[in-house]
Structures are given as C-alpha cells and as structure tokens.
Protein backbone atom coordinates (compact mmCIF):
# COMPACT_ATOMS: atom_id res chain seq x y z
CA MET A 1 154.46 139.36 112.42
CA VAL A 2 152.51 140.15 115.58
CA GLY A 3 148.87 140.61 114.70
CA SER A 4 147.13 141.12 118.05
CA SER A 5 147.54 142.72 121.46
CA HIS A 6 147.42 139.22 123.00
CA GLU A 7 150.61 138.24 121.20
CA ALA A 8 152.36 141.56 121.74
CA LEU A 9 151.74 141.59 125.49
CA HIS A 10 153.66 138.37 126.10
CA ARG A 11 156.06 138.31 123.14
CA ILE A 12 157.77 141.49 124.31
CA PHE A 13 159.30 139.28 127.01
CA GLN A 14 160.59 136.91 124.34
CA LYS A 15 162.22 139.90 122.65
CA ASP A 16 163.80 141.09 125.90
CA PRO A 17 163.61 138.37 128.61
CA ALA A 18 165.44 140.56 131.13
CA LEU A 19 162.50 142.98 131.02
CA LEU A 20 160.39 140.39 132.84
CA THR A 21 162.85 140.27 135.74
CA ARG A 22 162.86 144.07 135.95
CA ALA A 23 159.06 144.10 135.90
CA LEU A 24 158.92 141.64 138.80
CA GLN A 25 161.51 143.54 140.84
CA GLN A 26 160.60 147.16 140.04
CA VAL A 27 156.89 147.10 139.16
CA LEU A 28 155.55 144.34 141.42
CA ASP A 29 158.24 144.78 144.12
CA VAL A 30 158.84 141.02 144.18
CA PRO A 31 162.34 140.02 145.43
CA PHE A 32 163.02 137.78 142.45
CA PRO A 33 166.75 136.88 142.31
CA GLU A 34 168.89 138.39 139.57
CA PRO A 35 169.26 135.87 136.70
CA ARG A 36 172.67 134.93 135.38
CA GLU A 37 170.99 133.64 132.22
CA ILE A 38 167.48 133.52 130.76
CA ALA A 39 166.45 131.15 127.96
CA ALA A 40 163.18 130.69 126.10
CA LEU A 41 161.61 127.21 126.27
CA ASN A 42 159.03 125.32 124.22
CA VAL A 43 155.57 126.56 125.21
CA ASP A 44 153.84 123.27 124.29
CA LEU A 45 152.86 121.40 127.46
CA THR A 46 151.02 118.58 125.67
CA GLU A 47 151.57 115.10 127.10
CA ILE A 48 150.11 111.71 126.11
CA GLU A 49 146.48 112.82 126.22
CA PRO A 50 145.20 114.25 122.92
CA VAL A 51 144.32 117.64 124.46
CA GLU A 52 146.88 120.28 123.48
CA ARG A 53 147.90 122.57 126.31
CA ARG A 54 150.08 125.64 125.81
CA VAL A 55 151.23 128.69 127.70
CA ASP A 56 151.89 132.01 125.96
CA THR A 57 155.57 132.51 126.82
CA LEU A 58 157.90 130.29 128.85
CA LEU A 59 161.35 131.38 130.03
CA ARG A 60 163.93 129.62 132.20
CA ALA A 61 165.87 131.91 134.55
CA GLU A 62 169.14 130.70 136.10
CA THR A 63 169.89 132.52 139.36
CA ASP A 64 172.24 132.12 142.30
CA GLU A 65 169.25 130.92 144.33
CA GLY A 66 168.16 128.30 141.80
CA THR A 67 166.42 127.81 138.47
CA TYR A 68 162.94 129.21 137.88
CA LEU A 69 160.41 128.90 135.09
CA LEU A 70 158.72 132.20 134.22
CA VAL A 71 155.27 131.42 132.78
CA VAL A 72 153.70 134.44 131.05
CA GLU A 73 150.00 134.47 130.20
CA SER A 74 148.38 137.34 128.27
CA LEU A 75 144.70 138.07 129.01
CA GLY A 76 142.21 140.33 127.29
CA GLU A 77 139.30 139.59 129.62
CA ALA A 78 138.37 137.23 132.44
CA ASP A 79 138.42 133.65 131.21
CA ASP A 80 137.50 130.95 133.74
CA ARG A 81 138.55 128.18 131.38
CA ARG A 82 142.10 129.51 131.06
CA ARG A 83 142.29 130.30 134.76
CA GLY A 84 141.28 126.73 135.54
CA SER A 85 144.21 125.43 133.48
CA TRP A 86 146.90 127.37 135.37
CA PRO A 87 147.32 124.91 138.28
CA TYR A 88 147.72 122.10 135.75
CA HIS A 89 150.28 124.07 133.74
CA LEU A 90 152.38 124.87 136.80
CA SER A 91 152.27 121.31 138.12
CA CYS A 92 153.12 119.92 134.68
CA LEU A 93 156.05 122.30 134.26
CA ARG A 94 157.43 121.55 137.72
CA LYS A 95 157.36 117.84 136.98
CA LYS A 96 158.82 118.21 133.48
CA TYR A 97 161.69 120.61 134.25
CA ARG A 98 162.29 119.82 137.95
CA CYS A 99 162.33 123.49 138.95
CA GLU A 100 159.90 126.02 140.39
CA PRO A 101 157.38 127.76 138.06
CA VAL A 102 156.29 131.38 138.56
CA LEU A 103 153.03 132.52 136.92
CA ILE A 104 152.93 136.10 135.54
CA VAL A 105 149.72 137.42 133.98
CA ILE A 106 149.76 140.58 131.83
CA THR A 107 146.66 142.49 130.73
CA GLN A 108 145.59 145.90 129.46
CA ASN A 109 142.35 145.84 131.47
CA SER A 110 142.16 146.90 135.13
CA ALA A 111 139.14 144.72 135.92
CA THR A 112 140.82 141.70 134.36
CA ALA A 113 143.96 142.41 136.37
CA LYS A 114 142.02 142.38 139.66
CA TRP A 115 140.24 139.18 138.65
CA ALA A 116 143.46 137.43 137.65
CA ALA A 117 145.25 138.39 140.89
CA GLN A 118 142.85 136.40 143.05
CA PRO A 119 144.46 133.21 144.44
CA ILE A 120 143.30 129.90 143.01
CA ARG A 121 142.62 127.55 145.93
CA LEU A 122 142.16 123.81 145.47
CA GLY A 123 140.84 121.82 148.42
CA PHE A 124 138.06 122.39 150.93
CA PRO A 125 137.32 125.36 153.24
CA GLY A 126 140.05 125.66 155.84
CA TRP A 127 142.44 123.36 153.98
CA ASP A 128 144.11 124.24 150.69
CA SER A 129 145.70 121.29 148.91
CA LEU A 130 147.17 123.69 146.35
CA THR A 131 147.19 127.47 146.08
CA VAL A 132 148.19 129.35 142.91
CA ARG A 133 149.01 133.04 143.34
CA PRO A 134 149.55 134.79 139.99
CA LEU A 135 151.72 137.89 139.73
CA VAL A 136 149.80 140.40 137.59
CA LEU A 137 151.09 143.24 135.41
CA GLY A 138 148.31 145.64 134.41
CA PRO A 139 147.39 149.31 133.87
CA ASP A 140 147.33 150.01 137.61
CA ASN A 141 150.91 148.93 138.32
CA VAL A 142 152.82 149.15 135.02
CA PRO A 143 154.58 152.54 135.26
CA LEU A 144 153.33 155.36 133.05
CA ILE A 145 156.42 156.60 131.21
CA ALA A 146 155.67 159.97 129.62
CA ASP A 147 159.14 161.48 129.94
CA GLU A 148 161.60 161.18 127.05
CA ARG A 149 164.65 160.88 129.30
CA GLN A 150 163.05 158.13 131.37
CA ALA A 151 161.96 156.28 128.21
CA LYS A 152 165.52 156.33 126.86
CA GLN A 153 166.86 154.80 130.08
CA ASP A 154 164.83 151.60 129.55
CA VAL A 155 163.28 151.36 126.10
CA PRO A 156 161.69 147.89 126.56
CA LEU A 157 160.01 149.10 129.78
CA ALA A 158 158.78 152.18 127.89
CA VAL A 159 157.30 149.84 125.26
CA LEU A 160 155.57 147.86 128.01
CA SER A 161 154.25 151.15 129.41
CA ALA A 162 152.85 152.24 126.05
CA MET A 163 150.81 149.06 125.66
CA PRO A 164 148.22 149.93 128.36
CA HIS A 165 148.85 153.69 128.64
CA GLY A 166 149.33 154.74 125.00
CA GLN A 167 145.63 155.44 124.54
CA GLY A 168 144.80 156.91 127.95
CA PRO A 169 144.61 160.52 129.11
CA GLN A 170 148.38 160.88 128.78
CA GLY A 171 148.61 158.75 125.68
CA ALA A 172 150.12 161.47 123.52
CA ALA A 173 153.00 162.11 125.93
CA VAL A 174 153.60 158.35 126.37
CA LEU A 175 153.78 157.71 122.63
CA GLU A 176 155.91 160.79 121.93
CA SER A 177 158.42 159.81 124.62
CA LEU A 178 158.67 156.28 123.26
CA ALA A 179 159.01 157.53 119.68
CA ALA A 180 162.00 159.63 120.72
CA ALA A 181 163.51 156.76 122.73
CA LEU A 182 163.31 154.38 119.75
CA ARG A 183 165.97 156.48 118.04
CA THR A 184 168.49 155.18 120.59
CA VAL A 185 168.10 151.47 119.77
CA ASP A 186 169.03 149.49 116.67
CA THR A 187 166.53 149.67 113.83
CA ASP A 188 165.64 145.97 113.88
CA SER A 189 164.68 146.08 117.57
CA ALA A 190 162.85 149.37 117.03
CA ALA A 191 160.78 147.84 114.22
CA VAL A 192 159.71 144.94 116.47
CA PHE A 193 158.84 147.29 119.35
CA VAL A 194 156.82 149.46 116.94
CA GLN A 195 154.69 146.49 115.98
CA PHE A 196 154.12 145.46 119.60
CA VAL A 197 152.70 148.90 120.40
CA ASP A 198 150.72 149.10 117.15
CA SER A 199 149.06 145.76 117.93
CA CYS A 200 147.97 146.92 121.40
CA LEU A 201 146.48 150.27 120.43
CA VAL A 202 142.79 149.59 119.83
CA ASP A 203 141.69 153.23 119.85
CA PRO A 204 141.71 154.35 116.16
CA GLN A 205 142.94 157.85 116.99
CA ALA A 206 145.80 156.57 119.14
CA LYS A 207 146.79 153.99 116.52
CA GLN A 208 146.80 156.65 113.78
CA MET A 209 148.87 158.97 115.97
CA TRP A 210 151.40 156.18 116.59
CA ARG A 211 151.65 155.40 112.88
CA ASP A 212 152.09 159.09 112.08
CA LEU A 213 154.87 159.36 114.65
CA MET A 214 156.59 156.28 113.27
CA THR A 215 156.25 157.51 109.70
CA ALA A 216 157.81 160.80 110.73
CA ILE A 217 160.89 159.11 112.22
CA GLN A 218 160.91 156.38 109.52
CA TYR A 219 161.17 153.36 111.83
CA PHE A 220 157.69 152.27 110.87
CA TRP A 221 158.65 151.92 107.24
CA ARG A 222 161.32 149.34 108.05
CA HIS A 223 158.72 146.81 109.16
CA PRO A 224 156.40 144.63 107.01
CA LEU A 225 153.44 146.12 108.89
CA ALA A 226 154.05 149.29 106.89
CA GLU A 227 153.10 147.50 103.68
CA GLN A 228 149.46 147.66 104.74
CA VAL A 229 149.65 151.40 105.37
CA ARG A 230 151.62 152.03 102.19
CA GLU A 231 149.07 150.06 100.19
CA GLU A 232 146.27 152.13 101.69
CA GLY A 233 148.20 155.25 100.74
CA ARG A 234 148.68 154.01 97.18
CA GLU A 235 144.97 153.29 96.83
CA GLN A 236 144.09 156.70 98.22
CA GLY A 237 146.55 158.39 95.91
CA LEU A 238 145.32 156.37 92.94
CA GLU A 239 141.69 157.24 93.66
CA GLN A 240 142.48 160.93 93.97
CA GLY A 241 144.74 160.74 90.96
CA LEU A 242 142.06 159.17 88.78
CA GLU A 243 139.63 161.90 89.75
CA GLN A 244 142.14 164.64 89.04
CA GLY A 245 143.82 162.88 86.14
CA LEU A 246 141.01 163.65 83.70
CA GLU A 247 141.91 167.33 83.94
CA GLN A 248 145.61 167.45 84.76
CA GLY A 249 147.12 164.08 83.94
CA LEU A 250 147.34 160.88 85.96
CA GLU A 251 150.93 161.24 87.22
CA GLN A 252 150.38 164.79 88.39
CA GLY A 253 147.18 163.72 90.12
CA LEU A 254 148.95 160.87 91.95
CA GLU A 255 151.72 163.23 93.07
CA GLN A 256 149.17 165.68 94.40
CA GLY A 257 147.36 162.87 96.22
CA ARG A 258 150.58 161.84 97.99
CA ALA A 259 151.29 165.44 99.00
CA GLU A 260 147.78 165.87 100.37
CA GLY A 261 148.15 162.71 102.45
CA GLN A 262 151.50 163.86 103.86
CA ALA A 263 150.07 167.29 104.69
CA LYS A 264 147.16 165.70 106.58
CA MET A 265 149.65 163.63 108.60
CA VAL A 266 151.59 166.78 109.65
CA LEU A 267 148.39 168.48 110.85
CA ARG A 268 147.16 165.30 112.58
CA ILE A 269 150.34 165.05 114.64
CA LEU A 270 150.00 168.64 115.84
CA GLU A 271 146.29 168.35 116.59
CA TRP A 272 146.62 165.03 118.43
CA ARG A 273 149.38 166.54 120.58
CA GLY A 274 147.01 169.37 121.51
CA ILE A 275 148.95 172.09 119.67
CA PRO A 276 146.66 174.78 118.16
CA VAL A 277 147.03 175.12 114.38
CA PRO A 278 146.38 178.66 113.12
CA ASP A 279 144.76 179.08 109.70
CA THR A 280 148.00 180.52 108.30
CA VAL A 281 149.94 177.38 109.29
CA ARG A 282 147.19 175.07 108.05
CA GLU A 283 147.08 176.85 104.69
CA ARG A 284 150.85 176.74 104.23
CA VAL A 285 150.95 173.00 105.01
CA THR A 286 147.94 172.02 102.89
CA THR A 287 149.12 174.01 99.86
CA CYS A 288 152.66 172.60 99.94
CA THR A 289 153.38 170.06 97.18
CA ASP A 290 157.04 169.38 98.04
CA LEU A 291 157.13 165.87 99.57
CA ASP A 292 160.61 166.36 101.05
CA GLN A 293 159.51 169.57 102.75
CA LEU A 294 156.37 167.92 104.09
CA GLU A 295 158.42 165.04 105.52
CA ALA A 296 160.73 167.53 107.28
CA TRP A 297 157.69 169.28 108.77
CA ALA A 298 156.30 165.93 109.95
CA GLN A 299 159.52 165.21 111.84
CA ARG A 300 159.46 168.66 113.46
CA ALA A 301 155.80 168.20 114.41
CA VAL A 302 156.79 165.34 116.71
CA HIS A 303 158.71 167.70 119.03
CA ALA A 304 157.28 171.15 118.27
CA THR A 305 155.70 173.10 121.13
CA ASP A 306 154.15 175.66 118.76
CA ALA A 307 152.80 175.14 115.25
CA ALA A 308 155.04 177.90 113.89
CA GLU A 309 158.10 175.80 114.82
CA LEU A 310 157.36 173.64 111.78
CA PHE A 311 158.95 176.30 109.62
CA THR A 312 162.02 176.89 111.79
CA GLU A 313 165.12 174.75 111.22
CA ARG A 314 166.96 173.66 114.36
C-alpha cells in the first residue's frame, strides 16, 4: 500500500513503465528511442561498503539503439545530500549493468523542479570531469489534463497529471476527468491509480473531493485504503447512533447516521465542483434516508451541470 506522495510519484512508473518513455518523449521532448521491452530492476545499489544506497525506481529499457537504465528519483523539496549521491548512483549503475543510465527526477513542487534541473558539475572551473544533467518532470511541464476524452486516451498520463495538478486552480476538472477515465480500465489497475492520486493530494479539500468521487463510482471501495475511510464512517455513524439511540433505538440511529453521511457527500461533490445548491435541493438531499437513492444521486453529482440534475434519470 502506497502511503506517501514520495512513493506514488515514482511507483506509478513501476505500474506502467511505458508511461516513463511517453513522458520523456511527449512532456520533456527528449528523443528517447522507443523501447522494445522495459523491465524493473533491483533498486539496491549497495556494494561492499556498509552504507546502503538506493534509488527510488530503476527500469531497464531495451531499444533498437541500445539498452538504457531509467533511474527515477522522487523529490518533495531540495535535498543537497540526495543530489550529491546522484553522480555516484549513475556511475555505479553504469559499471554494474554495462549500459547507459538516464536520471529522471519527478516532483510536485515548481521550485524543487528548477533546483533539480541544474547540472551537477564535478571538476574545476573551465573543466568538468563529470556532468550530470537530470531530466525533470514537475508541475510546469507535466500536462494538465482536465478533459475527459483526453484522460481516457492515456489514463496513466492522466494519473500523472492529477498528482501535481489535482489540487490547483483547475483541480476539480482534473479529478473529475480522471474519475471518468478510470471507468475504462480494469478495476485492479484503477484501484492502484486511485491510491497514487490519494497519496499525492495534500490539500484536505482536494483529498476529500477525490475520495467522494471514488466512492461515487465505487472504485475506491475496492482498495484497502478504503478501510480507513469506512472505519471513520462507522465511528461517525456509531457516535451519532448512540446519541440518537436513547430516543429511537440504536439500529435506527446508526442507519440515520449513515444516511446523513451519504447526503453530506452528495452536497460536497456539487459544492466542490462549483455548482450552486438551492435550498430546495439541499433539503431534499438532507432529508432523504434511502441509502440506494443517495448513492444514485452521488454518482449523478459527478457529472451534473446543474443541481436539479440529481433528480433526473439519464
């Protein structure tokens, strides 16, 4: 289970190695040759010395022009210690595998991206014994995919887009497009992609919106990450049920607590998407106790352009 944005940012390339080639060719405009085959390698670069050295993700790409090692490093902020290890990593990998390494850095932070893109020069002024030039994927060059049709054309790239852009000014459109595109892939892959995005969304409102969207289309509930959310829902329902149970019975109170939580999710989706919610719609949603009906409204809220469309079957 991916538990942090650091892991998600590089492990997406383990899930879909071909995405890294597309990112180099289409995002960074680097003429990297088309691989015939890509394989994941052991990321442990430790040798005889007792210091353990690792990279985040390591892939071997077989192309018509030769074999290349794709070294992916995920960064949250500038880190001189890690940057200082990159020349060693590349030299070690070249010696170990007898093929050329390519360093790719991925980050959600624009300032970190600019810092990481600076060449690392070893030597003295006017004479570089070794120069390391990282290729950097960041918010300023990863495409912003906020169109459902475009997201469906390349779902892994849409996932990569949502990692830095899912909580920006167009975050709602980015997440909605990706949510729709996830319906076109198998459920196991969708569940993994859902977790990658969830791990990268640090803004509480954006994370809640993403979880609401995933709950509405039910992909989220196929992943162990949902256990945490379900547990929170159970505790909320139990607390409300205990308060109401004194007067109307525990089971009835728990059922009402679940309905109230589902109703709040429907309204949250509409409000986060910027759709005005009239008092009449709000009252109808909040007074509904039918869980199946509330789930249907939640699914319609993902694509509705007007709050009244909740009550219109397509």
